[in-house]
Amino acid sequence: MTRSELTAAVWDELPKTRYLLGRRRVDRLIERTLKRWPVPVLYQCDAAQTNVVGQRLARSIERQETAEYGMGFIASVLLAAIIGEIVKILIRRWLENRTEMLEALA
């Protein structure tokens, strides 16, 4: 699976609220998440630990995005929800098939 295929698959799995942010911005969030995907850390984690790492990654990306673009409360809540869903989808894919994820990350 290529990175663009993974990005499209994640977009398809996101809830309909994804349209409020738009395809370009969501794709950028997915790309940012993939660039920061902590492969060495996740190799050492079980499923529960992977979820904790994912939550921290989501918060980090959310802080970075908010600092970079600045936004109001409602937009921040929507952004946090979408980032959280992106990370959940990617974690599920990681736990199901690491090889496929590694191909997309390469």
PDB file of N, CA and C in Angstrom:
ATOM      1  N   MET A   1       0.840  -1.173   0.000  1.00  0.00           N
ATOM      2  CA  MET A   1       0.000   0.000   0.000  1.00  0.00           C
ATOM      3  C   MET A   1       0.885   1.236   0.000  1.00  0.00           C
ATOM      4  N   THR A   2       0.572   2.170  -0.862  1.00  0.00           N
ATOM      5  CA  THR A   2       1.337   3.419  -0.924  1.00  0.00           C
ATOM      6  C   THR A   2       0.781   4.411   0.094  1.00  0.00           C
ATOM      7  N   ARG A   3       1.532   5.468   0.310  1.00  0.00           N
ATOM      8  CA  ARG A   3       1.102   6.508   1.243  1.00  0.00           C
ATOM      9  C   ARG A   3      -0.186   7.167   0.768  1.00  0.00           C
ATOM     10  N   SER A   4      -0.294   7.424  -0.527  1.00  0.00           N
ATOM     11  CA  SER A   4      -1.513   8.058  -1.046  1.00  0.00           C
ATOM     12  C   SER A   4      -2.719   7.124  -0.919  1.00  0.00           C
ATOM     13  N   GLU A   5      -2.504   5.828  -1.088  1.00  0.00           N
ATOM     14  CA  GLU A   5      -3.599   4.868  -0.901  1.00  0.00           C
ATOM     15  C   GLU A   5      -4.029   4.818   0.565  1.00  0.00           C
ATOM     16  N   LEU A   6      -3.062   4.871   1.464  1.00  0.00           N
ATOM     17  CA  LEU A   6      -3.370   4.872   2.886  1.00  0.00           C
ATOM     18  C   LEU A   6      -4.121   6.146   3.262  1.00  0.00           C
ATOM     19  N   THR A   7      -3.677   7.275   2.741  1.00  0.00           N
ATOM     20  CA  THR A   7      -4.352   8.540   3.008  1.00  0.00           C
ATOM     21  C   THR A   7      -5.797   8.489   2.530  1.00  0.00           C
ATOM     22  N   ALA A   8      -6.021   7.969   1.336  1.00  0.00           N
ATOM     23  CA  ALA A   8      -7.379   7.849   0.798  1.00  0.00           C
ATOM     24  C   ALA A   8      -8.220   6.898   1.643  1.00  0.00           C
ATOM     25  N   ALA A   9      -7.627   5.802   2.106  1.00  0.00           N
ATOM     26  CA  ALA A   9      -8.357   4.837   2.931  1.00  0.00           C
ATOM     27  C   ALA A   9      -8.762   5.453   4.268  1.00  0.00           C
ATOM     28  N   VAL A  10      -7.861   6.223   4.863  1.00  0.00           N
ATOM     29  CA  VAL A  10      -8.175   6.882   6.133  1.00  0.00           C
ATOM     30  C   VAL A  10      -9.291   7.897   5.914  1.00  0.00           C
ATOM     31  N   TRP A  11      -9.203   8.686   4.845  1.00  0.00           N
ATOM     32  CA  TRP A  11     -10.254   9.660   4.514  1.00  0.00           C
ATOM     33  C   TRP A  11     -11.615   8.961   4.423  1.00  0.00           C
ATOM     34  N   ASP A  12     -11.647   7.832   3.756  1.00  0.00           N
ATOM     35  CA  ASP A  12     -12.905   7.102   3.571  1.00  0.00           C
ATOM     36  C   ASP A  12     -13.483   6.587   4.891  1.00  0.00           C
ATOM     37  N   GLU A  13     -12.625   6.281   5.848  1.00  0.00           N
ATOM     38  CA  GLU A  13     -13.083   5.744   7.130  1.00  0.00           C
ATOM     39  C   GLU A  13     -13.489   6.818   8.135  1.00  0.00           C
ATOM     40  N   LEU A  14     -13.110   8.056   7.880  1.00  0.00           N
ATOM     41  CA  LEU A  14     -13.444   9.125   8.818  1.00  0.00           C
ATOM     42  C   LEU A  14     -14.941   9.419   8.788  1.00  0.00           C
ATOM     43  N   PRO A  15     -15.480   9.923   9.912  1.00  0.00           N
ATOM     44  CA  PRO A  15     -16.899  10.292   9.928  1.00  0.00           C
ATOM     45  C   PRO A  15     -17.171  11.468   8.983  1.00  0.00           C
ATOM     46  N   LYS A  16     -18.420  11.686   8.682  1.00  0.00           N
ATOM     47  CA  LYS A  16     -18.811  12.733   7.718  1.00  0.00           C
ATOM     48  C   LYS A  16     -18.380  14.135   8.147  1.00  0.00           C
ATOM     49  N   THR A  17     -18.066  14.327   9.409  1.00  0.00           N
ATOM     50  CA  THR A  17     -17.602  15.649   9.856  1.00  0.00           C
ATOM     51  C   THR A  17     -16.293  16.044   9.175  1.00  0.00           C
ATOM     52  N   ARG A  18     -15.656  15.083   8.512  1.00  0.00           N
ATOM     53  CA  ARG A  18     -14.416  15.383   7.779  1.00  0.00           C
ATOM     54  C   ARG A  18     -14.644  16.486   6.753  1.00  0.00           C
ATOM     55  N   TYR A  19     -15.857  16.568   6.224  1.00  0.00           N
ATOM     56  CA  TYR A  19     -16.154  17.572   5.202  1.00  0.00           C
ATOM     57  C   TYR A  19     -16.112  18.992   5.753  1.00  0.00           C
ATOM     58  N   LEU A  20     -16.288  19.147   7.054  1.00  0.00           N
ATOM     59  CA  LEU A  20     -16.216  20.481   7.657  1.00  0.00           C
ATOM     60  C   LEU A  20     -14.804  21.050   7.598  1.00  0.00           C
ATOM     61  N   LEU A  21     -13.807  20.175   7.651  1.00  0.00           N
ATOM     62  CA  LEU A  21     -12.419  20.632   7.532  1.00  0.00           C
ATOM     63  C   LEU A  21     -11.947  20.662   6.085  1.00  0.00           C
ATOM     64  N   GLY A  22     -12.523  19.828   5.252  1.00  0.00           N
ATOM     65  CA  GLY A  22     -12.122  19.783   3.846  1.00  0.00           C
ATOM     66  C   GLY A  22     -11.053  18.751   3.572  1.00  0.00           C
ATOM     67  N   ARG A  23     -11.050  18.286   2.345  1.00  0.00           N
ATOM     68  CA  ARG A  23     -10.141  17.202   1.953  1.00  0.00           C
ATOM     69  C   ARG A  23      -8.679  17.602   2.081  1.00  0.00           C
ATOM     70  N   ARG A  24      -8.328  18.804   1.615  1.00  0.00           N
ATOM     71  CA  ARG A  24      -6.913  19.212   1.657  1.00  0.00           C
ATOM     72  C   ARG A  24      -6.383  19.262   3.080  1.00  0.00           C
ATOM     73  N   ARG A  25      -7.163  19.842   3.974  1.00  0.00           N
ATOM     74  CA  ARG A  25      -6.684  19.978   5.352  1.00  0.00           C
ATOM     75  C   ARG A  25      -6.611  18.609   6.038  1.00  0.00           C
ATOM     76  N   VAL A  26      -7.603  17.763   5.822  1.00  0.00           N
ATOM     77  CA  VAL A  26      -7.580  16.428   6.423  1.00  0.00           C
ATOM     78  C   VAL A  26      -6.409  15.620   5.865  1.00  0.00           C
ATOM     79  N   ASP A  27      -6.182  15.705   4.560  1.00  0.00           N
ATOM     80  CA  ASP A  27      -5.033  15.007   3.971  1.00  0.00           C
ATOM     81  C   ASP A  27      -3.724  15.495   4.595  1.00  0.00           C
ATOM     82  N   ARG A  28      -3.633  16.786   4.855  1.00  0.00           N
ATOM     83  CA  ARG A  28      -2.430  17.337   5.483  1.00  0.00           C
ATOM     84  C   ARG A  28      -2.283  16.816   6.908  1.00  0.00           C
ATOM     85  N   LEU A  29      -3.401  16.684   7.624  1.00  0.00           N
ATOM     86  CA  LEU A  29      -3.357  16.127   8.977  1.00  0.00           C
ATOM     87  C   LEU A  29      -2.924  14.664   8.954  1.00  0.00           C
ATOM     88  N   ILE A  30      -3.434  13.914   8.008  1.00  0.00           N
ATOM     89  CA  ILE A  30      -3.034  12.510   7.872  1.00  0.00           C
ATOM     90  C   ILE A  30      -1.543  12.435   7.559  1.00  0.00           C
ATOM     91  N   GLU A  31      -1.087  13.258   6.633  1.00  0.00           N
ATOM     92  CA  GLU A  31       0.326  13.269   6.254  1.00  0.00           C
ATOM     93  C   GLU A  31       1.206  13.637   7.450  1.00  0.00           C
ATOM     94  N   ARG A  32       0.787  14.634   8.205  1.00  0.00           N
ATOM     95  CA  ARG A  32       1.550  15.052   9.385  1.00  0.00           C
ATOM     96  C   ARG A  32       1.618  13.907  10.400  1.00  0.00           C
ATOM     97  N   THR A  33       0.517  13.196  10.564  1.00  0.00           N
ATOM     98  CA  THR A  33       0.485  12.058  11.484  1.00  0.00           C
ATOM     99  C   THR A  33       1.417  10.949  11.011  1.00  0.00           C
ATOM    100  N   LEU A  34       1.383  10.661   9.720  1.00  0.00           N
ATOM    101  CA  LEU A  34       2.250   9.612   9.180  1.00  0.00           C
ATOM    102  C   LEU A  34       3.724   9.976   9.303  1.00  0.00           C
ATOM    103  N   LYS A  35       4.066  11.244   9.107  1.00  0.00           N
ATOM    104  CA  LYS A  35       5.458  11.670   9.229  1.00  0.00           C
ATOM    105  C   LYS A  35       5.965  11.511  10.657  1.00  0.00           C
ATOM    106  N   ARG A  36       5.059  11.661  11.618  1.00  0.00           N
ATOM    107  CA  ARG A  36       5.461  11.585  13.026  1.00  0.00           C
ATOM    108  C   ARG A  36       5.140  10.236  13.644  1.00  0.00           C
ATOM    109  N   TRP A  37       4.737   9.270  12.832  1.00  0.00           N
ATOM    110  CA  TRP A  37       4.367   7.949  13.343  1.00  0.00           C
ATOM    111  C   TRP A  37       5.556   7.318  14.060  1.00  0.00           C
ATOM    112  N   PRO A  38       5.431   7.005  15.339  1.00  0.00           N
ATOM    113  CA  PRO A  38       6.564   6.543  16.152  1.00  0.00           C
ATOM    114  C   PRO A  38       6.828   5.036  16.020  1.00  0.00           C
ATOM    115  N   VAL A  39       7.349   4.627  14.882  1.00  0.00           N
ATOM    116  CA  VAL A  39       7.565   3.206  14.601  1.00  0.00           C
ATOM    117  C   VAL A  39       8.416   2.518  15.669  1.00  0.00           C
ATOM    118  N   PRO A  40       9.582   3.043  16.037  1.00  0.00           N
ATOM    119  CA  PRO A  40      10.408   2.328  17.028  1.00  0.00           C
ATOM    120  C   PRO A  40       9.696   2.145  18.373  1.00  0.00           C
ATOM    121  N   VAL A  41       8.942   3.141  18.783  1.00  0.00           N
ATOM    122  CA  VAL A  41       8.216   3.049  20.052  1.00  0.00           C
ATOM    123  C   VAL A  41       7.105   2.016  19.947  1.00  0.00           C
ATOM    124  N   LEU A  42       6.353   2.058  18.855  1.00  0.00           N
ATOM    125  CA  LEU A  42       5.212   1.155  18.706  1.00  0.00           C
ATOM    126  C   LEU A  42       5.620  -0.307  18.585  1.00  0.00           C
ATOM    127  N   TYR A  43       6.814  -0.575  18.068  1.00  0.00           N
ATOM    128  CA  TYR A  43       7.295  -1.956  18.007  1.00  0.00           C
ATOM    129  C   TYR A  43       7.419  -2.577  19.396  1.00  0.00           C
ATOM    130  N   GLN A  44       7.621  -1.739  20.397  1.00  0.00           N
ATOM    131  CA  GLN A  44       7.816  -2.225  21.763  1.00  0.00           C
ATOM    132  C   GLN A  44       6.525  -2.276  22.573  1.00  0.00           C
ATOM    133  N   CYS A  45       5.410  -1.852  21.980  1.00  0.00           N
ATOM    134  CA  CYS A  45       4.159  -1.709  22.719  1.00  0.00           C
ATOM    135  C   CYS A  45       3.176  -2.837  22.442  1.00  0.00           C
ATOM    136  N   ASP A  46       2.384  -3.139  23.468  1.00  0.00           N
ATOM    137  CA  ASP A  46       1.226  -4.004  23.242  1.00  0.00           C
ATOM    138  C   ASP A  46       0.056  -3.098  22.832  1.00  0.00           C
ATOM    139  N   ALA A  47      -1.129  -3.656  22.658  1.00  0.00           N
ATOM    140  CA  ALA A  47      -2.270  -2.887  22.161  1.00  0.00           C
ATOM    141  C   ALA A  47      -2.639  -1.733  23.096  1.00  0.00           C
ATOM    142  N   ALA A  48      -2.642  -1.969  24.404  1.00  0.00           N
ATOM    143  CA  ALA A  48      -3.005  -0.919  25.358  1.00  0.00           C
ATOM    144  C   ALA A  48      -1.980   0.216  25.338  1.00  0.00           C
ATOM    145  N   GLN A  49      -0.719  -0.139  25.313  1.00  0.00           N
ATOM    146  CA  GLN A  49       0.335   0.874  25.267  1.00  0.00           C
ATOM    147  C   GLN A  49       0.295   1.641  23.949  1.00  0.00           C
ATOM    148  N   THR A  50      -0.042   0.949  22.877  1.00  0.00           N
ATOM    149  CA  THR A  50      -0.149   1.596  21.572  1.00  0.00           C
ATOM    150  C   THR A  50      -1.220   2.676  21.608  1.00  0.00           C
ATOM    151  N   ASN A  51      -2.332   2.409  22.291  1.00  0.00           N
ATOM    152  CA  ASN A  51      -3.387   3.418  22.400  1.00  0.00           C
ATOM    153  C   ASN A  51      -2.925   4.639  23.180  1.00  0.00           C
ATOM    154  N   VAL A  52      -2.133   4.441  24.208  1.00  0.00           N
ATOM    155  CA  VAL A  52      -1.602   5.563  24.986  1.00  0.00           C
ATOM    156  C   VAL A  52      -0.657   6.394  24.123  1.00  0.00           C
ATOM    157  N   VAL A  53       0.223   5.732  23.387  1.00  0.00           N
ATOM    158  CA  VAL A  53       1.141   6.440  22.486  1.00  0.00           C
ATOM    159  C   VAL A  53       0.329   7.216  21.448  1.00  0.00           C
ATOM    160  N   GLY A  54      -0.728   6.606  20.938  1.00  0.00           N
ATOM    161  CA  GLY A  54      -1.582   7.267  19.952  1.00  0.00           C
ATOM    162  C   GLY A  54      -2.256   8.507  20.509  1.00  0.00           C
ATOM    163  N   GLN A  55      -2.722   8.447  21.737  1.00  0.00           N
ATOM    164  CA  GLN A  55      -3.351   9.613  22.365  1.00  0.00           C
ATOM    165  C   GLN A  55      -2.357  10.759  22.504  1.00  0.00           C
ATOM    166  N   ARG A  56      -1.154  10.427  22.890  1.00  0.00           N
ATOM    167  CA  ARG A  56      -0.119  11.467  23.033  1.00  0.00           C
ATOM    168  C   ARG A  56       0.260  12.061  21.674  1.00  0.00           C
ATOM    169  N   LEU A  57       0.332  11.214  20.675  1.00  0.00           N
ATOM    170  CA  LEU A  57       0.622  11.691  19.323  1.00  0.00           C
ATOM    171  C   LEU A  57      -0.493  12.618  18.851  1.00  0.00           C
ATOM    172  N   ALA A  58      -1.738  12.238  19.077  1.00  0.00           N
ATOM    173  CA  ALA A  58      -2.879  13.069  18.661  1.00  0.00           C
ATOM    174  C   ALA A  58      -2.833  14.433  19.342  1.00  0.00           C
ATOM    175  N   ARG A  59      -2.558  14.443  20.628  1.00  0.00           N
ATOM    176  CA  ARG A  59      -2.487  15.733  21.346  1.00  0.00           C
ATOM    177  C   ARG A  59      -1.344  16.600  20.835  1.00  0.00           C
ATOM    178  N   SER A  60      -0.229  15.969  20.527  1.00  0.00           N
ATOM    179  CA  SER A  60       0.913  16.704  20.005  1.00  0.00           C
ATOM    180  C   SER A  60       0.588  17.346  18.653  1.00  0.00           C
ATOM    181  N   ILE A  61      -0.041  16.595  17.791  1.00  0.00           N
ATOM    182  CA  ILE A  61      -0.407  17.124  16.477  1.00  0.00           C
ATOM    183  C   ILE A  61      -1.451  18.217  16.621  1.00  0.00           C
ATOM    184  N   GLU A  62      -2.388  18.024  17.521  1.00  0.00           N
ATOM    185  CA  GLU A  62      -3.419  19.030  17.769  1.00  0.00           C
ATOM    186  C   GLU A  62      -2.795  20.342  18.251  1.00  0.00           C
ATOM    187  N   ARG A  63      -1.866  20.258  19.200  1.00  0.00           N
ATOM    188  CA  ARG A  63      -1.189  21.467  19.697  1.00  0.00           C
ATOM    189  C   ARG A  63      -0.428  22.165  18.577  1.00  0.00           C
ATOM    190  N   GLN A  64       0.271  21.393  17.773  1.00  0.00           N
ATOM    191  CA  GLN A  64       1.041  21.964  16.673  1.00  0.00           C
ATOM    192  C   GLN A  64       0.126  22.655  15.667  1.00  0.00           C
ATOM    193  N   GLU A  65      -0.960  22.012  15.331  1.00  0.00           N
ATOM    194  CA  GLU A  65      -1.904  22.568  14.355  1.00  0.00           C
ATOM    195  C   GLU A  65      -2.563  23.838  14.893  1.00  0.00           C
ATOM    196  N   THR A  66      -2.956  23.819  16.145  1.00  0.00           N
ATOM    197  CA  THR A  66      -3.597  24.980  16.763  1.00  0.00           C
ATOM    198  C   THR A  66      -2.620  26.151  16.842  1.00  0.00           C
ATOM    199  N   ALA A  67      -1.381  25.879  17.219  1.00  0.00           N
ATOM    200  CA  ALA A  67      -0.374  26.935  17.315  1.00  0.00           C
ATOM    201  C   ALA A  67      -0.056  27.515  15.948  1.00  0.00           C
ATOM    202  N   GLU A  68      -0.033  26.662  14.947  1.00  0.00           N
ATOM    203  CA  GLU A  68       0.327  27.097  13.598  1.00  0.00           C
ATOM    204  C   GLU A  68      -0.771  27.944  12.955  1.00  0.00           C
ATOM    205  N   TYR A  69      -2.021  27.562  13.172  1.00  0.00           N
ATOM    206  CA  TYR A  69      -3.114  28.231  12.470  1.00  0.00           C
ATOM    207  C   TYR A  69      -4.015  29.061  13.363  1.00  0.00           C
ATOM    208  N   GLY A  70      -4.009  28.810  14.675  1.00  0.00           N
ATOM    209  CA  GLY A  70      -4.882  29.534  15.583  1.00  0.00           C
ATOM    210  C   GLY A  70      -6.340  29.372  15.173  1.00  0.00           C
ATOM    211  N   MET A  71      -7.205  29.145  16.129  1.00  0.00           N
ATOM    212  CA  MET A  71      -8.605  28.938  15.786  1.00  0.00           C
ATOM    213  C   MET A  71      -9.458  29.085  17.023  1.00  0.00           C
ATOM    214  N   GLY A  72     -10.742  29.209  16.810  1.00  0.00           N
ATOM    215  CA  GLY A  72     -11.689  29.350  17.905  1.00  0.00           C
ATOM    216  C   GLY A  72     -11.986  28.019  18.568  1.00  0.00           C
ATOM    217  N   PHE A  73     -12.841  28.095  19.573  1.00  0.00           N
ATOM    218  CA  PHE A  73     -13.151  26.917  20.385  1.00  0.00           C
ATOM    219  C   PHE A  73     -13.804  25.811  19.564  1.00  0.00           C
ATOM    220  N   ILE A  74     -14.815  26.146  18.789  1.00  0.00           N
ATOM    221  CA  ILE A  74     -15.549  25.121  18.017  1.00  0.00           C
ATOM    222  C   ILE A  74     -14.606  24.460  17.015  1.00  0.00           C
ATOM    223  N   ALA A  75     -13.825  25.255  16.327  1.00  0.00           N
ATOM    224  CA  ALA A  75     -12.881  24.692  15.357  1.00  0.00           C
ATOM    225  C   ALA A  75     -11.851  23.806  16.055  1.00  0.00           C
ATOM    226  N   SER A  76     -11.425  24.193  17.236  1.00  0.00           N
ATOM    227  CA  SER A  76     -10.457  23.386  17.990  1.00  0.00           C
ATOM    228  C   SER A  76     -11.045  22.035  18.391  1.00  0.00           C
ATOM    229  N   VAL A  77     -12.305  22.039  18.798  1.00  0.00           N
ATOM    230  CA  VAL A  77     -12.966  20.789  19.184  1.00  0.00           C
ATOM    231  C   VAL A  77     -13.098  19.873  17.969  1.00  0.00           C
ATOM    232  N   LEU A  78     -13.507  20.436  16.840  1.00  0.00           N
ATOM    233  CA  LEU A  78     -13.644  19.659  15.609  1.00  0.00           C
ATOM    234  C   LEU A  78     -12.285  19.105  15.179  1.00  0.00           C
ATOM    235  N   LEU A  79     -11.268  19.939  15.238  1.00  0.00           N
ATOM    236  CA  LEU A  79      -9.920  19.511  14.869  1.00  0.00           C
ATOM    237  C   LEU A  79      -9.450  18.360  15.760  1.00  0.00           C
ATOM    238  N   ALA A  80      -9.662  18.486  17.062  1.00  0.00           N
ATOM    239  CA  ALA A  80      -9.251  17.436  17.999  1.00  0.00           C
ATOM    240  C   ALA A  80      -9.975  16.130  17.702  1.00  0.00           C
ATOM    241  N   ALA A  81     -11.249  16.215  17.373  1.00  0.00           N
ATOM    242  CA  ALA A  81     -12.024  15.009  17.077  1.00  0.00           C
ATOM    243  C   ALA A  81     -11.508  14.318  15.816  1.00  0.00           C
ATOM    244  N   ILE A  82     -11.246  15.095  14.778  1.00  0.00           N
ATOM    245  CA  ILE A  82     -10.767  14.518  13.516  1.00  0.00           C
ATOM    246  C   ILE A  82      -9.370  13.912  13.698  1.00  0.00           C
ATOM    247  N   ILE A  83      -8.479  14.626  14.388  1.00  0.00           N
ATOM    248  CA  ILE A  83      -7.137  14.089  14.627  1.00  0.00           C
ATOM    249  C   ILE A  83      -7.222  12.802  15.443  1.00  0.00           C
ATOM    250  N   GLY A  84      -8.072  12.793  16.452  1.00  0.00           N
ATOM    251  CA  GLY A  84      -8.248  11.591  17.257  1.00  0.00           C
ATOM    252  C   GLY A  84      -8.722  10.407  16.419  1.00  0.00           C
ATOM    253  N   GLU A  85      -9.648  10.656  15.506  1.00  0.00           N
ATOM    254  CA  GLU A  85     -10.140   9.588  14.628  1.00  0.00           C
ATOM    255  C   GLU A  85      -9.058   9.112  13.662  1.00  0.00           C
ATOM    256  N   ILE A  86      -8.281  10.047  13.132  1.00  0.00           N
ATOM    257  CA  ILE A  86      -7.181   9.672  12.229  1.00  0.00           C
ATOM    258  C   ILE A  86      -6.223   8.732  12.949  1.00  0.00           C
ATOM    259  N   VAL A  87      -5.840   9.102  14.169  1.00  0.00           N
ATOM    260  CA  VAL A  87      -4.898   8.289  14.934  1.00  0.00           C
ATOM    261  C   VAL A  87      -5.510   6.925  15.266  1.00  0.00           C
ATOM    262  N   LYS A  88      -6.786   6.883  15.635  1.00  0.00           N
ATOM    263  CA  LYS A  88      -7.441   5.597  15.931  1.00  0.00           C
ATOM    264  C   LYS A  88      -7.432   4.678  14.715  1.00  0.00           C
ATOM    265  N   ILE A  89      -7.735   5.232  13.561  1.00  0.00           N
ATOM    266  CA  ILE A  89      -7.744   4.439  12.332  1.00  0.00           C
ATOM    267  C   ILE A  89      -6.346   3.897  12.045  1.00  0.00           C
ATOM    268  N   LEU A  90      -5.346   4.765  12.167  1.00  0.00           N
ATOM    269  CA  LEU A  90      -3.976   4.332  11.895  1.00  0.00           C
ATOM    270  C   LEU A  90      -3.492   3.303  12.919  1.00  0.00           C
ATOM    271  N   ILE A  91      -3.888   3.452  14.168  1.00  0.00           N
ATOM    272  CA  ILE A  91      -3.509   2.460  15.184  1.00  0.00           C
ATOM    273  C   ILE A  91      -4.135   1.110  14.854  1.00  0.00           C
ATOM    274  N   ARG A  92      -5.397   1.130  14.496  1.00  0.00           N
ATOM    275  CA  ARG A  92      -6.053  -0.126  14.133  1.00  0.00           C
ATOM    276  C   ARG A  92      -5.338  -0.799  12.971  1.00  0.00           C
ATOM    277  N   ARG A  93      -4.976  -0.007  11.967  1.00  0.00           N
ATOM    278  CA  ARG A  93      -4.252  -0.555  10.815  1.00  0.00           C
ATOM    279  C   ARG A  93      -2.884  -1.077  11.246  1.00  0.00           C
ATOM    280  N   TRP A  94      -2.206  -0.356  12.130  1.00  0.00           N
ATOM    281  CA  TRP A  94      -0.897  -0.777  12.629  1.00  0.00           C
ATOM    282  C   TRP A  94      -1.004  -2.128  13.336  1.00  0.00           C
ATOM    283  N   LEU A  95      -2.006  -2.264  14.188  1.00  0.00           N
ATOM    284  CA  LEU A  95      -2.165  -3.501  14.937  1.00  0.00           C
ATOM    285  C   LEU A  95      -2.581  -4.670  14.041  1.00  0.00           C
ATOM    286  N   GLU A  96      -3.320  -4.381  12.975  1.00  0.00           N
ATOM    287  CA  GLU A  96      -3.768  -5.428  12.060  1.00  0.00           C
ATOM    288  C   GLU A  96      -2.678  -5.861  11.085  1.00  0.00           C
ATOM    289  N   ASN A  97      -1.894  -4.894  10.587  1.00  0.00           N
ATOM    290  CA  ASN A  97      -0.923  -5.231   9.546  1.00  0.00           C
ATOM    291  C   ASN A  97       0.214  -4.201   9.535  1.00  0.00           C
ATOM    292  N   ARG A  98       1.215  -4.432  10.339  1.00  0.00           N
ATOM    293  CA  ARG A  98       2.353  -3.501  10.419  1.00  0.00           C
ATOM    294  C   ARG A  98       3.111  -3.407   9.110  1.00  0.00           C
ATOM    295  N   THR A  99       3.220  -4.507   8.414  1.00  0.00           N
ATOM    296  CA  THR A  99       3.973  -4.517   7.156  1.00  0.00           C
ATOM    297  C   THR A  99       3.364  -3.549   6.158  1.00  0.00           C
ATOM    298  N   GLU A 100       2.049  -3.576   6.053  1.00  0.00           N
ATOM    299  CA  GLU A 100       1.360  -2.664   5.145  1.00  0.00           C
ATOM    300  C   GLU A 100       1.591  -1.215   5.532  1.00  0.00           C
ATOM    301  N   MET A 101       1.532  -0.931   6.831  1.00  0.00           N
ATOM    302  CA  MET A 101       1.781   0.429   7.319  1.00  0.00           C
ATOM    303  C   MET A 101       3.215   0.861   7.022  1.00  0.00           C
ATOM    304  N   LEU A 102       4.154  -0.036   7.236  1.00  0.00           N
ATOM    305  CA  LEU A 102       5.561   0.295   6.984  1.00  0.00           C
ATOM    306  C   LEU A 102       5.801   0.605   5.518  1.00  0.00           C
ATOM    307  N   GLU A 103       5.126  -0.109   4.630  1.00  0.00           N
ATOM    308  CA  GLU A 103       5.236   0.180   3.189  1.00  0.00           C
ATOM    309  C   GLU A 103       4.771   1.604   2.904  1.00  0.00           C
ATOM    310  N   ALA A 104       3.668   1.988   3.515  1.00  0.00           N
ATOM    311  CA  ALA A 104       3.132   3.331   3.287  1.00  0.00           C
ATOM    312  C   ALA A 104       4.014   4.404   3.909  1.00  0.00           C
ATOM    313  N   LEU A 105       4.679   4.079   4.982  1.00  0.00           N
ATOM    314  CA  LEU A 105       5.543   5.052   5.650  1.00  0.00           C
ATOM    315  C   LEU A 105       6.880   5.237   4.954  1.00  0.00           C
ATOM    316  N   ALA A 106       7.272   4.265   4.150  1.00  0.00           N
ATOM    317  CA  ALA A 106       8.582   4.306   3.473  1.00  0.00           C
ATOM    318  C   ALA A 106       8.629   5.388   2.410  1.00  0.00           C
TER     319      ALA A 106
END
